[in-house]
Amino acid sequence: MGVLDGKTAVVTGAGQGIGSVFARRLAAEGASVVLCDLVACATTLEAIRRSGGRAVDVAADVTDQRSVAGLMEAAVSAFGRLDILINNAAIASAVEMKPIHEISSEEWTRVMEVNVRGVFECIKAAVPRMRANGYGKIVNMGSGTFLKGTPMLPHYVASKGAVVGMTRSFARELGEHGIRVNCISPGLVMTDAMRGHAVMGSAEFAQGNIKSRAIGREQVPEDLAGAMIFLSSPQSDFITGQTLVVDGGSFMH
């Protein structure tokens, strides 16, 4: 018996990295999982089904209202309900660290479109389905960069600050409908994509992060899975509007 037996979860950005780990862990806990990404999530889908889990793969653009509406409809069509939304899709490893005068307006807008509007569109489309059930769990992905004010990433930092703000606002608005909204704030997570980043993927940058942590090691996607399951499960039914920092003790508050 899993803690999420009978639940249906949508995971955005499920094709790789954190999203793929989240999707597989949700399935292992008994949830039926809808995998969302811009491209097919074939590897994640195969891994879940090979382990005896239930999942479908739906290509969708989180910045497109119609695409997101189709994603939520596909979840209900495939599994009959929608209980959990994991807003993981974001531009992260593709963001270059650079001073403000080198960041184009187009780059700023693109980060905001995906990281902020994408979360808004997904929550907006998911809420009617959750409200119909009188229950729902929404887990957004923040970032330690917002908590620390990391330089050279103002667009990314601002986008994650907006996610924290939306988490609190939606938690207030949706609580009466039985919908809990929380946020996970990770440190630097060394996904395969992040390892390829020109700066953040470097050994020097990674060591700086490790030295800042009480638990002095590299952070990997699996380190976030337990917190995500907790916030998705009935075990956290009296928790909403919170940001849970999962970074090995780099930022403490």
Foldseek 3Di string as FASTA:
>chain_A
DALQALAEEEFAPCQFFLNLLQQLLNQVRHYAYEYEYQDWSVVSCVVSVVVVGHYDYQYAQLLDLVRLLVSLVVRCVVRNAHAEYELDWAPDLVDAQDAPVPQDPVNLVVRLSTLASSLVSNCVNRVVRQLVVLAHFYEYEAECCLVVVDHSRVSNNVSRVNVLVVQQVVQVVCVRSHYAGEYEYEYDADTVSNCPRPPCNDPVNQQVLLVLAPNRDHHHSVQCNVVVVCRGGPVCSVDHSYYHYRYRHNDDD
